[in-house]
Amino acid sequence: MTKLSCEYMGLSLKSPFVVASSGLTQSVDKMKEFEANGASAIIVKSLFEEQIRNEVHHITKKEAHNNSYPEAQEYIHEYTRKNTLEKHINIISKAKEALEIPVIASISCITNKEWEEVAKKVEEAGADAIEINAFIIPTDRNQTSEEIEKRYIEILKTVKSATNLPIGMKIGSNFTNIVRMVDQLKAYGATSVTLFNRFYEPDIDIETMNIVSSEIFSNSSELRKSLRWVGIVSGYVEGIDIAASTGIHNGEDVIKQLLAGATVTQMCSTLYIHGAQKLSEIESTLTSWMEKWNFNNINEFRGRLSSNPEMDQQLFERAQFMKYFSDHI
C-alpha cells in the first residue's frame, strides 16, 4: 500500500501537502475544509510586524489629538498592541481545537523586536511549530550583505530563545550564497527552511500613474527557481527539512519538488484558484505516479534527483545553461 506520510519539523504528517500562510488560513472553517481534502498541516495567516506597528501608530496618533495625558496614550498604545496580538492567538487556539493535523504559526518580521512575547503566546495557544517569514529589502547603500544576513540570524535567535517549539525560516532567493545562508540558519537552530517566499511585487498603472500590486498568484512556470535551489540545498546541506514553495499548482509539481529533495510542499495560489478539492486531485496524482514506479513510500524517491556527488551536479548549474543556448542559437 502506498504511504504518503512524512516527518517535517519533528512533526508526523500524513502527507507532504502543507497549506501555506495566506488569507485562506485565517478562517477555521477553511482550515477544516483543507484538512478534509488531504492537507497534512496548516500554516496560519502571518502576523506582520508592520501590522502591529501600524495599528498602534494609527490609534495613538488619533488619540494624541484628543488626550494630553502621556499616561493615557501609553495605555492606549499597549492595549492596541495586545489586542492585535490576541486576535492572532485566538485563531491559533480555535484551529487547534477544530483540527487534528498540526497547526503552524507564522510571524512575518523585518527586525527581532516584538517576537519574544509573541513566540511565548503562540506556544501557549497550542501551536505545533513556528515559521518565521523574514523579508528584508536592502535599501541602505552603507549596509553590507553580511550585515543584512545577520539580521535574519538575529530574528531566528530571538524567537528560538523564547520557545521550545521547532522553528522554520521562510526566505527569499535574494542571497549571494543561498547554500551558506541555509547552513547558517541550521547552525543557529532552524529546523526547516522554506524556499521561497513569494513577496509582494509592485507594478505601475500608466493610465493613473500610480503604483499598484502586480499579479498576486503564482503559476507553474515559477516552479523552476525553487526547484533548482531545493535540489542544490538538499544535496549540500544535511540535517534541515526543506519546504518547497511558489509555483506548485498540481501533482506533477509536487512530484518534481520531492524528487529534487523537498521534505514537504507548501501550496497557496492553486487553492485560491481551484479550491480545497485541488488537494484531493494532487494526492491522487502523486499516489498513481508512485504506484506506476512501485514506490511504497516517499522516502524511496525523495531527493533522487537532488544535486549530490552521485549525480552530475552541473544539471542544476551553469553547464546546462551553456549547452541549452549553444544548441538553440
C-alpha atoms as a PDB file:
ATOM      1  CA  MET A   1       0.000   0.000   0.000  1.00  0.00           C
ATOM      2  CA  THR A   2       1.307   3.443  -0.938  1.00  0.00           C
ATOM      3  CA  LYS A   3       2.172   5.619   2.070  1.00  0.00           C
ATOM      4  CA  LEU A   4       2.391   9.401   1.807  1.00  0.00           C
ATOM      5  CA  SER A   5       3.369  10.065   5.415  1.00  0.00           C
ATOM      6  CA  CYS A   6       6.496  12.069   6.256  1.00  0.00           C
ATOM      7  CA  GLU A   7       8.303  13.840   9.077  1.00  0.00           C
ATOM      8  CA  TYR A   8       8.572  17.637   8.957  1.00  0.00           C
ATOM      9  CA  MET A   9       9.901  19.921  11.706  1.00  0.00           C
ATOM     10  CA  GLY A  10       9.723  16.974  14.059  1.00  0.00           C
ATOM     11  CA  LEU A  11       6.012  16.556  13.299  1.00  0.00           C
ATOM     12  CA  SER A  12       4.428  13.430  11.871  1.00  0.00           C
ATOM     13  CA  LEU A  13       2.446  14.403   8.774  1.00  0.00           C
ATOM     14  CA  LYS A  14       0.072  12.188   6.816  1.00  0.00           C
ATOM     15  CA  SER A  15       1.261  13.656   3.503  1.00  0.00           C
ATOM     16  CA  PRO A  16       3.689  16.262   2.119  1.00  0.00           C
ATOM     17  CA  PHE A  17       0.809  18.693   1.433  1.00  0.00           C
ATOM     18  CA  VAL A  18       1.054  21.798   3.624  1.00  0.00           C
ATOM     19  CA  VAL A  19      -1.273  24.770   3.189  1.00  0.00           C
ATOM     20  CA  ALA A  20       0.850  27.921   3.174  1.00  0.00           C
ATOM     21  CA  SER A  21       0.134  31.036   5.202  1.00  0.00           C
ATOM     22  CA  SER A  22      -2.390  33.261   3.422  1.00  0.00           C
ATOM     23  CA  GLY A  23      -5.804  34.852   3.739  1.00  0.00           C
ATOM     24  CA  LEU A  24      -7.236  31.349   3.339  1.00  0.00           C
ATOM     25  CA  THR A  25      -5.738  30.269   6.650  1.00  0.00           C
ATOM     26  CA  GLN A  26      -7.310  32.897   8.855  1.00  0.00           C
ATOM     27  CA  SER A  27     -10.654  31.048   8.741  1.00  0.00           C
ATOM     28  CA  VAL A  28     -11.053  27.912  10.864  1.00  0.00           C
ATOM     29  CA  ASP A  29     -13.844  26.707   8.553  1.00  0.00           C
ATOM     30  CA  LYS A  30     -11.481  26.915   5.574  1.00  0.00           C
ATOM     31  CA  MET A  31      -8.794  25.091   7.518  1.00  0.00           C
ATOM     32  CA  LYS A  32     -11.235  22.251   8.268  1.00  0.00           C
ATOM     33  CA  GLU A  33     -12.047  22.071   4.559  1.00  0.00           C
ATOM     34  CA  PHE A  34      -8.354  21.776   3.694  1.00  0.00           C
ATOM     35  CA  GLU A  35      -7.911  19.036   6.281  1.00  0.00           C
ATOM     36  CA  ALA A  36     -10.886  17.098   4.873  1.00  0.00           C
ATOM     37  CA  ASN A  37      -9.315  17.214   1.401  1.00  0.00           C
ATOM     38  CA  GLY A  38      -5.911  15.906   2.414  1.00  0.00           C
ATOM     39  CA  ALA A  39      -3.855  18.760   3.896  1.00  0.00           C
ATOM     40  CA  SER A  40      -1.338  17.440   6.414  1.00  0.00           C
ATOM     41  CA  ALA A  41      -0.617  20.754   8.179  1.00  0.00           C
ATOM     42  CA  ILE A  42      -1.873  24.333   8.167  1.00  0.00           C
ATOM     43  CA  ILE A  43       0.255  27.452   8.459  1.00  0.00           C
ATOM     44  CA  VAL A  44      -1.909  30.172   9.957  1.00  0.00           C
ATOM     45  CA  LYS A  45      -2.002  33.579   8.264  1.00  0.00           C
ATOM     46  CA  SER A  46       1.052  35.582   9.249  1.00  0.00           C
ATOM     47  CA  LEU A  47       1.083  38.151  11.981  1.00  0.00           C
ATOM     48  CA  PHE A  48       3.061  41.007  10.419  1.00  0.00           C
ATOM     49  CA  GLU A  49       5.424  43.202  12.406  1.00  0.00           C
ATOM     50  CA  GLU A  50       4.235  46.202  10.413  1.00  0.00           C
ATOM     51  CA  GLN A  51       0.623  45.253  11.190  1.00  0.00           C
ATOM     52  CA  ILE A  52       1.258  45.628  14.914  1.00  0.00           C
ATOM     53  CA  ARG A  53       3.172  48.879  14.480  1.00  0.00           C
ATOM     54  CA  ASN A  54       0.720  50.444  12.032  1.00  0.00           C
ATOM     55  CA  GLU A  55      -2.374  49.715  14.098  1.00  0.00           C
ATOM     56  CA  VAL A  56      -0.712  51.041  17.226  1.00  0.00           C
ATOM     57  CA  HIS A  57       0.582  54.143  15.423  1.00  0.00           C
ATOM     58  CA  HIS A  58      -2.800  54.886  13.803  1.00  0.00           C
ATOM     59  CA  ILE A  59      -4.758  54.765  17.050  1.00  0.00           C
ATOM     60  CA  THR A  60      -2.213  56.515  19.286  1.00  0.00           C
ATOM     61  CA  LYS A  61      -1.811  59.305  16.737  1.00  0.00           C
ATOM     62  CA  LYS A  62      -5.574  59.787  16.649  1.00  0.00           C
ATOM     63  CA  GLU A  63      -5.847  59.801  20.434  1.00  0.00           C
ATOM     64  CA  ALA A  64      -2.941  62.211  20.810  1.00  0.00           C
ATOM     65  CA  HIS A  65      -5.126  64.979  19.373  1.00  0.00           C
ATOM     66  CA  ASN A  66      -7.836  64.296  21.961  1.00  0.00           C
ATOM     67  CA  ASN A  67      -5.770  63.489  25.008  1.00  0.00           C
ATOM     68  CA  SER A  68      -2.968  65.441  26.614  1.00  0.00           C
ATOM     69  CA  TYR A  69      -2.069  62.824  29.204  1.00  0.00           C
ATOM     70  CA  PRO A  70       1.026  60.814  28.276  1.00  0.00           C
ATOM     71  CA  GLU A  71      -0.014  58.015  30.675  1.00  0.00           C
ATOM     72  CA  ALA A  72      -3.308  57.582  28.820  1.00  0.00           C
ATOM     73  CA  GLN A  73      -1.559  57.477  25.450  1.00  0.00           C
ATOM     74  CA  GLU A  74       0.853  54.852  26.733  1.00  0.00           C
ATOM     75  CA  TYR A  75      -2.072  52.739  27.985  1.00  0.00           C
ATOM     76  CA  ILE A  76      -3.827  53.013  24.606  1.00  0.00           C
ATOM     77  CA  HIS A  77      -0.592  52.075  22.826  1.00  0.00           C
ATOM     78  CA  GLU A  78      -0.124  48.911  24.885  1.00  0.00           C
ATOM     79  CA  TYR A  79      -3.819  47.965  24.741  1.00  0.00           C
ATOM     80  CA  THR A  80      -3.877  48.230  20.938  1.00  0.00           C
ATOM     81  CA  ARG A  81      -0.725  46.149  20.609  1.00  0.00           C
ATOM     82  CA  LYS A  82      -2.051  43.414  22.877  1.00  0.00           C
ATOM     83  CA  ASN A  83      -5.446  43.420  21.164  1.00  0.00           C
ATOM     84  CA  THR A  84      -3.815  42.894  17.748  1.00  0.00           C
ATOM     85  CA  LEU A  85      -1.738  40.038  19.135  1.00  0.00           C
ATOM     86  CA  GLU A  86      -4.686  38.419  20.927  1.00  0.00           C
ATOM     87  CA  LYS A  87      -6.727  38.276  17.719  1.00  0.00           C
ATOM     88  CA  HIS A  88      -3.957  36.253  16.107  1.00  0.00           C
ATOM     89  CA  ILE A  89      -3.505  33.988  19.123  1.00  0.00           C
ATOM     90  CA  ASN A  90      -7.256  33.346  19.218  1.00  0.00           C
ATOM     91  CA  ILE A  91      -7.204  31.988  15.650  1.00  0.00           C
ATOM     92  CA  ILE A  92      -4.431  29.558  16.592  1.00  0.00           C
ATOM     93  CA  SER A  93      -6.336  28.383  19.682  1.00  0.00           C
ATOM     94  CA  LYS A  94      -9.537  27.798  17.729  1.00  0.00           C
ATOM     95  CA  ALA A  95      -7.679  25.996  14.951  1.00  0.00           C
ATOM     96  CA  LYS A  96      -6.054  23.643  17.457  1.00  0.00           C
ATOM     97  CA  GLU A  97      -9.468  22.814  18.903  1.00  0.00           C
ATOM     98  CA  ALA A  98     -11.012  22.163  15.489  1.00  0.00           C
ATOM     99  CA  LEU A  99      -8.217  20.307  13.651  1.00  0.00           C
ATOM    100  CA  GLU A 100      -6.414  17.021  14.093  1.00  0.00           C
ATOM    101  CA  ILE A 101      -3.500  17.984  11.842  1.00  0.00           C
ATOM    102  CA  PRO A 102      -0.625  20.203  13.072  1.00  0.00           C
ATOM    103  CA  VAL A 103      -1.151  23.953  13.225  1.00  0.00           C
ATOM    104  CA  ILE A 104       1.927  26.055  12.480  1.00  0.00           C
ATOM    105  CA  ALA A 105       2.068  29.714  13.475  1.00  0.00           C
ATOM    106  CA  SER A 106       3.586  32.286  11.118  1.00  0.00           C
ATOM    107  CA  ILE A 107       5.232  35.556  12.040  1.00  0.00           C
ATOM    108  CA  SER A 108       6.398  37.963   9.366  1.00  0.00           C
ATOM    109  CA  CYS A 109       9.150  40.259  10.518  1.00  0.00           C
ATOM    110  CA  ILE A 110      11.912  42.624   9.494  1.00  0.00           C
ATOM    111  CA  THR A 111      13.566  43.069  12.925  1.00  0.00           C
ATOM    112  CA  ASN A 112      13.988  40.945  16.049  1.00  0.00           C
ATOM    113  CA  LYS A 113      11.760  43.235  18.147  1.00  0.00           C
ATOM    114  CA  GLU A 114       8.345  42.173  19.500  1.00  0.00           C
ATOM    115  CA  TRP A 115       8.840  38.483  18.897  1.00  0.00           C
ATOM    116  CA  GLU A 116       9.872  37.002  22.248  1.00  0.00           C
ATOM    117  CA  GLU A 117       6.427  37.660  23.720  1.00  0.00           C
ATOM    118  CA  VAL A 118       4.709  36.582  20.500  1.00  0.00           C
ATOM    119  CA  ALA A 119       6.605  33.287  20.420  1.00  0.00           C
ATOM    120  CA  LYS A 120       5.669  32.519  24.028  1.00  0.00           C
ATOM    121  CA  LYS A 121       1.994  33.278  23.458  1.00  0.00           C
ATOM    122  CA  VAL A 122       1.908  31.236  20.262  1.00  0.00           C
ATOM    123  CA  GLU A 123       3.312  28.267  22.171  1.00  0.00           C
ATOM    124  CA  GLU A 124       0.771  28.743  24.973  1.00  0.00           C
ATOM    125  CA  ALA A 125      -2.019  28.797  22.376  1.00  0.00           C
ATOM    126  CA  GLY A 126      -1.032  25.290  21.300  1.00  0.00           C
ATOM    127  CA  ALA A 127       0.813  25.868  18.020  1.00  0.00           C
ATOM    128  CA  ASP A 128       2.894  22.885  16.951  1.00  0.00           C
ATOM    129  CA  ALA A 129       5.676  24.939  15.347  1.00  0.00           C
ATOM    130  CA  ILE A 130       6.540  28.455  14.153  1.00  0.00           C
ATOM    131  CA  GLU A 131       7.507  29.580  10.663  1.00  0.00           C
ATOM    132  CA  ILE A 132       9.374  32.885  10.563  1.00  0.00           C
ATOM    133  CA  ASN A 133       8.575  34.702   7.347  1.00  0.00           C
ATOM    134  CA  ALA A 134      11.505  37.115   7.043  1.00  0.00           C
ATOM    135  CA  PHE A 135      11.587  39.735   4.303  1.00  0.00           C
ATOM    136  CA  ILE A 136      14.261  42.424   4.449  1.00  0.00           C
ATOM    137  CA  ILE A 137      14.681  44.746   1.473  1.00  0.00           C
ATOM    138  CA  PRO A 138      18.202  46.242   1.339  1.00  0.00           C
ATOM    139  CA  THR A 139      17.892  49.963   0.641  1.00  0.00           C
ATOM    140  CA  ASP A 140      20.769  51.353   2.728  1.00  0.00           C
ATOM    141  CA  ARG A 141      23.795  51.799   0.480  1.00  0.00           C
ATOM    142  CA  ASN A 142      26.081  51.675   3.521  1.00  0.00           C
ATOM    143  CA  GLN A 143      24.807  48.306   4.727  1.00  0.00           C
ATOM    144  CA  THR A 144      26.719  45.246   3.624  1.00  0.00           C
ATOM    145  CA  SER A 145      25.146  41.959   2.565  1.00  0.00           C
ATOM    146  CA  GLU A 146      26.740  40.310   5.590  1.00  0.00           C
ATOM    147  CA  GLU A 147      25.001  42.782   7.907  1.00  0.00           C
ATOM    148  CA  ILE A 148      21.647  42.030   6.273  1.00  0.00           C
ATOM    149  CA  GLU A 149      22.153  38.286   6.616  1.00  0.00           C
ATOM    150  CA  LYS A 150      22.980  38.754  10.294  1.00  0.00           C
ATOM    151  CA  ARG A 151      19.547  40.326  10.782  1.00  0.00           C
ATOM    152  CA  TYR A 152      17.936  37.053   9.661  1.00  0.00           C
ATOM    153  CA  ILE A 153      20.077  35.187  12.175  1.00  0.00           C
ATOM    154  CA  GLU A 154      19.196  37.630  14.964  1.00  0.00           C
ATOM    155  CA  ILE A 155      15.477  37.203  14.287  1.00  0.00           C
ATOM    156  CA  LEU A 156      15.877  33.426  14.425  1.00  0.00           C
ATOM    157  CA  LYS A 157      17.910  33.571  17.649  1.00  0.00           C
ATOM    158  CA  THR A 158      15.369  35.845  19.333  1.00  0.00           C
ATOM    159  CA  VAL A 159      12.412  33.590  18.562  1.00  0.00           C
ATOM    160  CA  LYS A 160      14.411  30.444  19.321  1.00  0.00           C
ATOM    161  CA  SER A 161      15.345  31.745  22.777  1.00  0.00           C
ATOM    162  CA  ALA A 162      11.700  32.338  23.720  1.00  0.00           C
ATOM    163  CA  THR A 163      10.133  28.971  22.863  1.00  0.00           C
ATOM    164  CA  ASN A 164      10.735  25.246  22.725  1.00  0.00           C
ATOM    165  CA  LEU A 165       8.723  24.908  19.519  1.00  0.00           C
ATOM    166  CA  PRO A 166      10.501  23.867  16.303  1.00  0.00           C
ATOM    167  CA  ILE A 167      11.337  26.937  14.219  1.00  0.00           C
ATOM    168  CA  GLY A 168      11.379  27.196  10.430  1.00  0.00           C
ATOM    169  CA  MET A 169      12.610  30.096   8.290  1.00  0.00           C
ATOM    170  CA  LYS A 170      10.817  31.150   5.117  1.00  0.00           C
ATOM    171  CA  ILE A 171      13.220  33.169   2.992  1.00  0.00           C
ATOM    172  CA  GLY A 172      13.517  34.721  -0.444  1.00  0.00           C
ATOM    173  CA  SER A 173      16.072  33.901  -3.107  1.00  0.00           C
ATOM    174  CA  ASN A 174      17.987  37.192  -2.989  1.00  0.00           C
ATOM    175  CA  PHE A 175      21.113  35.970  -1.243  1.00  0.00           C
ATOM    176  CA  THR A 176      24.608  35.892  -2.674  1.00  0.00           C
ATOM    177  CA  ASN A 177      25.059  32.342  -1.379  1.00  0.00           C
ATOM    178  CA  ILE A 178      21.800  30.550  -0.569  1.00  0.00           C
ATOM    179  CA  VAL A 179      23.554  27.329   0.450  1.00  0.00           C
ATOM    180  CA  ARG A 180      25.646  29.154   3.048  1.00  0.00           C
ATOM    181  CA  MET A 181      22.603  31.071   4.298  1.00  0.00           C
ATOM    182  CA  VAL A 182      20.642  27.868   4.847  1.00  0.00           C
ATOM    183  CA  ASP A 183      23.660  26.273   6.530  1.00  0.00           C
ATOM    184  CA  GLN A 184      23.871  29.256   8.890  1.00  0.00           C
ATOM    185  CA  LEU A 185      20.164  29.051   9.714  1.00  0.00           C
ATOM    186  CA  LYS A 186      20.572  25.366  10.516  1.00  0.00           C
ATOM    187  CA  ALA A 187      23.577  26.126  12.736  1.00  0.00           C
ATOM    188  CA  TYR A 188      21.515  28.595  14.765  1.00  0.00           C
ATOM    189  CA  GLY A 189      18.671  26.179  15.326  1.00  0.00           C
ATOM    190  CA  ALA A 190      16.290  26.334  12.380  1.00  0.00           C
ATOM    191  CA  THR A 191      14.513  23.008  11.950  1.00  0.00           C
ATOM    192  CA  SER A 192      13.383  23.789   8.420  1.00  0.00           C
ATOM    193  CA  VAL A 193      13.743  26.294   5.605  1.00  0.00           C
ATOM    194  CA  THR A 194      11.068  27.245   3.082  1.00  0.00           C
ATOM    195  CA  LEU A 195      12.265  28.014  -0.453  1.00  0.00           C
ATOM    196  CA  PHE A 196      10.981  30.529  -1.407  1.00  0.00           C
ATOM    197  CA  ASN A 197       8.810  33.310  -0.135  1.00  0.00           C
ATOM    198  CA  ARG A 198       6.521  34.911  -2.712  1.00  0.00           C
ATOM    199  CA  PHE A 199       6.935  38.594  -1.964  1.00  0.00           C
ATOM    200  CA  TYR A 200       4.625  41.437  -2.833  1.00  0.00           C
ATOM    201  CA  GLU A 201       5.790  42.919  -6.127  1.00  0.00           C
ATOM    202  CA  PRO A 202       4.768  46.350  -7.370  1.00  0.00           C
ATOM    203  CA  ASP A 203       3.580  47.355 -10.803  1.00  0.00           C
ATOM    204  CA  ILE A 204       2.776  50.730 -12.352  1.00  0.00           C
ATOM    205  CA  ASP A 205      -0.567  51.722 -13.824  1.00  0.00           C
ATOM    206  CA  ILE A 206       0.455  54.063 -16.650  1.00  0.00           C
ATOM    207  CA  GLU A 207      -3.118  55.362 -17.047  1.00  0.00           C
ATOM    208  CA  THR A 208      -3.326  56.654 -13.485  1.00  0.00           C
ATOM    209  CA  MET A 209       0.425  56.873 -12.839  1.00  0.00           C
ATOM    210  CA  ASN A 210       0.000  55.005  -9.578  1.00  0.00           C
ATOM    211  CA  ILE A 211       1.929  52.166  -8.032  1.00  0.00           C
ATOM    212  CA  VAL A 212      -0.291  49.085  -7.881  1.00  0.00           C
ATOM    213  CA  SER A 213       0.100  45.428  -6.993  1.00  0.00           C
ATOM    214  CA  SER A 214       1.284  43.009  -9.675  1.00  0.00           C
ATOM    215  CA  GLU A 215      -0.264  39.558 -10.126  1.00  0.00           C
ATOM    216  CA  ILE A 216      -0.553  38.054  -6.652  1.00  0.00           C
ATOM    217  CA  PHE A 217      -0.973  34.429  -7.711  1.00  0.00           C
ATOM    218  CA  SER A 218       1.924  32.287  -8.843  1.00  0.00           C
ATOM    219  CA  ASN A 219       1.921  29.997 -11.873  1.00  0.00           C
ATOM    220  CA  SER A 220       3.650  26.694 -12.590  1.00  0.00           C
ATOM    221  CA  SER A 221       6.449  28.361 -14.567  1.00  0.00           C
ATOM    222  CA  GLU A 222       7.685  29.906 -11.300  1.00  0.00           C
ATOM    223  CA  LEU A 223       8.457  26.414 -10.043  1.00  0.00           C
ATOM    224  CA  ARG A 224      11.817  26.457 -11.823  1.00  0.00           C
ATOM    225  CA  LYS A 225      13.642  28.772  -9.442  1.00  0.00           C
ATOM    226  CA  SER A 226      12.632  26.963  -6.268  1.00  0.00           C
ATOM    227  CA  LEU A 227      13.167  23.582  -7.967  1.00  0.00           C
ATOM    228  CA  ARG A 228      16.801  24.462  -8.744  1.00  0.00           C
ATOM    229  CA  TRP A 229      17.560  25.559  -5.189  1.00  0.00           C
ATOM    230  CA  VAL A 230      15.632  22.791  -3.475  1.00  0.00           C
ATOM    231  CA  GLY A 231      17.792  20.402  -5.498  1.00  0.00           C
ATOM    232  CA  ILE A 232      21.030  22.188  -4.639  1.00  0.00           C
ATOM    233  CA  VAL A 233      20.330  22.871  -0.966  1.00  0.00           C
ATOM    234  CA  SER A 234      19.053  19.349  -0.281  1.00  0.00           C
ATOM    235  CA  GLY A 235      22.250  17.961  -1.774  1.00  0.00           C
ATOM    236  CA  TYR A 236      24.656  20.221   0.082  1.00  0.00           C
ATOM    237  CA  VAL A 237      23.064  20.933   3.479  1.00  0.00           C
ATOM    238  CA  GLU A 238      22.172  17.954   5.632  1.00  0.00           C
ATOM    239  CA  GLY A 239      20.028  17.929   8.745  1.00  0.00           C
ATOM    240  CA  ILE A 240      17.432  20.540   7.829  1.00  0.00           C
ATOM    241  CA  ASP A 241      13.964  19.963   6.379  1.00  0.00           C
ATOM    242  CA  ILE A 242      13.068  21.783   3.162  1.00  0.00           C
ATOM    243  CA  ALA A 243       9.618  23.058   2.275  1.00  0.00           C
ATOM    244  CA  ALA A 244       9.256  23.871  -1.414  1.00  0.00           C
ATOM    245  CA  SER A 245       7.050  26.873  -2.103  1.00  0.00           C
ATOM    246  CA  THR A 246       5.876  29.031  -5.041  1.00  0.00           C
ATOM    247  CA  GLY A 247       4.656  27.683  -8.381  1.00  0.00           C
ATOM    248  CA  ILE A 248       3.275  24.405  -7.015  1.00  0.00           C
ATOM    249  CA  HIS A 249      -0.083  24.022  -8.742  1.00  0.00           C
ATOM    250  CA  ASN A 250      -0.626  20.320  -9.419  1.00  0.00           C
ATOM    251  CA  GLY A 251       0.510  16.811  -8.610  1.00  0.00           C
ATOM    252  CA  GLU A 252       3.304  16.887 -11.179  1.00  0.00           C
ATOM    253  CA  ASP A 253       4.774  19.965  -9.496  1.00  0.00           C
ATOM    254  CA  VAL A 254       4.700  18.191  -6.130  1.00  0.00           C
ATOM    255  CA  ILE A 255       6.448  15.115  -7.566  1.00  0.00           C
ATOM    256  CA  LYS A 256       9.211  17.250  -9.101  1.00  0.00           C
ATOM    257  CA  GLN A 257       9.918  19.010  -5.813  1.00  0.00           C
ATOM    258  CA  LEU A 258      10.027  15.741  -3.883  1.00  0.00           C
ATOM    259  CA  LEU A 259      12.427  14.260  -6.437  1.00  0.00           C
ATOM    260  CA  ALA A 260      14.610  17.349  -6.024  1.00  0.00           C
ATOM    261  CA  GLY A 261      14.732  16.748  -2.271  1.00  0.00           C
ATOM    262  CA  ALA A 262      11.863  18.688  -0.706  1.00  0.00           C
ATOM    263  CA  THR A 263      10.507  17.314   2.560  1.00  0.00           C
ATOM    264  CA  VAL A 264       7.083  18.882   2.007  1.00  0.00           C
ATOM    265  CA  THR A 265       5.404  21.212  -0.469  1.00  0.00           C
ATOM    266  CA  GLN A 266       3.551  24.379   0.500  1.00  0.00           C
ATOM    267  CA  MET A 267       0.557  25.417  -1.601  1.00  0.00           C
ATOM    268  CA  CYS A 268      -1.452  28.613  -1.766  1.00  0.00           C
ATOM    269  CA  SER A 269      -2.289  30.079  -5.213  1.00  0.00           C
ATOM    270  CA  THR A 270      -3.701  26.839  -6.606  1.00  0.00           C
ATOM    271  CA  LEU A 271      -6.040  26.606  -3.602  1.00  0.00           C
ATOM    272  CA  TYR A 272      -7.280  30.162  -4.193  1.00  0.00           C
ATOM    273  CA  ILE A 273      -7.903  29.352  -7.860  1.00  0.00           C
ATOM    274  CA  HIS A 274      -9.317  25.815  -7.626  1.00  0.00           C
ATOM    275  CA  GLY A 275     -10.476  25.446  -4.027  1.00  0.00           C
ATOM    276  CA  ALA A 276      -9.647  22.889  -1.342  1.00  0.00           C
ATOM    277  CA  GLN A 277     -10.664  19.964  -3.562  1.00  0.00           C
ATOM    278  CA  LYS A 278      -7.458  20.541  -5.558  1.00  0.00           C
ATOM    279  CA  LEU A 279      -5.613  18.818  -2.724  1.00  0.00           C
ATOM    280  CA  SER A 280      -7.532  15.593  -3.347  1.00  0.00           C
ATOM    281  CA  GLU A 281      -6.632  15.756  -7.035  1.00  0.00           C
ATOM    282  CA  ILE A 282      -2.957  16.312  -6.216  1.00  0.00           C
ATOM    283  CA  GLU A 283      -2.975  13.379  -3.801  1.00  0.00           C
ATOM    284  CA  SER A 284      -4.477  11.135  -6.490  1.00  0.00           C
ATOM    285  CA  THR A 285      -1.785  12.172  -8.987  1.00  0.00           C
ATOM    286  CA  LEU A 286       1.034  11.505  -6.529  1.00  0.00           C
ATOM    287  CA  THR A 287      -0.391   8.137  -5.477  1.00  0.00           C
ATOM    288  CA  SER A 288      -0.866   6.989  -9.086  1.00  0.00           C
ATOM    289  CA  TRP A 289       2.681   8.016 -10.011  1.00  0.00           C
ATOM    290  CA  MET A 290       4.140   6.157  -7.008  1.00  0.00           C
ATOM    291  CA  GLU A 291       2.193   3.031  -7.922  1.00  0.00           C
ATOM    292  CA  LYS A 292       3.439   3.263 -11.512  1.00  0.00           C
ATOM    293  CA  TRP A 293       7.052   3.307 -10.299  1.00  0.00           C
ATOM    294  CA  ASN A 294       6.431   0.770  -7.499  1.00  0.00           C
ATOM    295  CA  PHE A 295       7.315   3.201  -4.715  1.00  0.00           C
ATOM    296  CA  ASN A 296       5.793   2.210  -1.375  1.00  0.00           C
ATOM    297  CA  ASN A 297       6.651   5.450   0.422  1.00  0.00           C
ATOM    298  CA  ILE A 298       8.038   8.903  -0.295  1.00  0.00           C
ATOM    299  CA  ASN A 299      11.457   8.220   1.201  1.00  0.00           C
ATOM    300  CA  GLU A 300      12.124   5.727  -1.593  1.00  0.00           C
ATOM    301  CA  PHE A 301      12.366   8.508  -4.160  1.00  0.00           C
ATOM    302  CA  ARG A 302      12.747  11.777  -2.262  1.00  0.00           C
ATOM    303  CA  GLY A 303      15.954  13.525  -3.293  1.00  0.00           C
ATOM    304  CA  ARG A 304      16.710  11.035  -6.067  1.00  0.00           C
ATOM    305  CA  LEU A 305      17.402  14.000  -8.373  1.00  0.00           C
ATOM    306  CA  SER A 306      18.978  16.366  -5.866  1.00  0.00           C
ATOM    307  CA  SER A 307      22.406  17.821  -6.564  1.00  0.00           C
ATOM    308  CA  ASN A 308      24.739  15.351  -4.864  1.00  0.00           C
ATOM    309  CA  PRO A 309      28.085  13.619  -5.556  1.00  0.00           C
ATOM    310  CA  GLU A 310      26.334  10.616  -7.123  1.00  0.00           C
ATOM    311  CA  MET A 311      24.893  12.620  -9.997  1.00  0.00           C
ATOM    312  CA  ASP A 312      26.041  15.202 -12.499  1.00  0.00           C
ATOM    313  CA  GLN A 313      25.960  18.339 -10.331  1.00  0.00           C
ATOM    314  CA  GLN A 314      26.100  20.534 -13.428  1.00  0.00           C
ATOM    315  CA  LEU A 315      22.500  19.585 -14.257  1.00  0.00           C
ATOM    316  CA  PHE A 316      21.414  22.218 -11.711  1.00  0.00           C
ATOM    317  CA  GLU A 317      24.170  24.655 -12.556  1.00  0.00           C
ATOM    318  CA  ARG A 318      25.742  26.652 -15.382  1.00  0.00           C
ATOM    319  CA  ALA A 319      26.868  23.949 -17.826  1.00  0.00           C
ATOM    320  CA  GLN A 320      23.307  23.047 -18.754  1.00  0.00           C
ATOM    321  CA  PHE A 321      22.570  26.732 -19.388  1.00  0.00           C
ATOM    322  CA  MET A 322      25.504  26.918 -21.768  1.00  0.00           C
ATOM    323  CA  LYS A 323      24.596  23.680 -23.508  1.00  0.00           C
ATOM    324  CA  TYR A 324      20.951  24.657 -23.988  1.00  0.00           C
ATOM    325  CA  PHE A 325      21.682  28.018 -25.577  1.00  0.00           C
ATOM    326  CA  SER A 326      24.535  26.644 -27.679  1.00  0.00           C
ATOM    327  CA  ASP A 327      22.070  24.155 -29.193  1.00  0.00           C
ATOM    328  CA  HIS A 328      19.314  26.725 -29.779  1.00  0.00           C
ATOM    329  CA  ILE A 329      21.177  29.694 -31.204  1.00  0.00           C
END
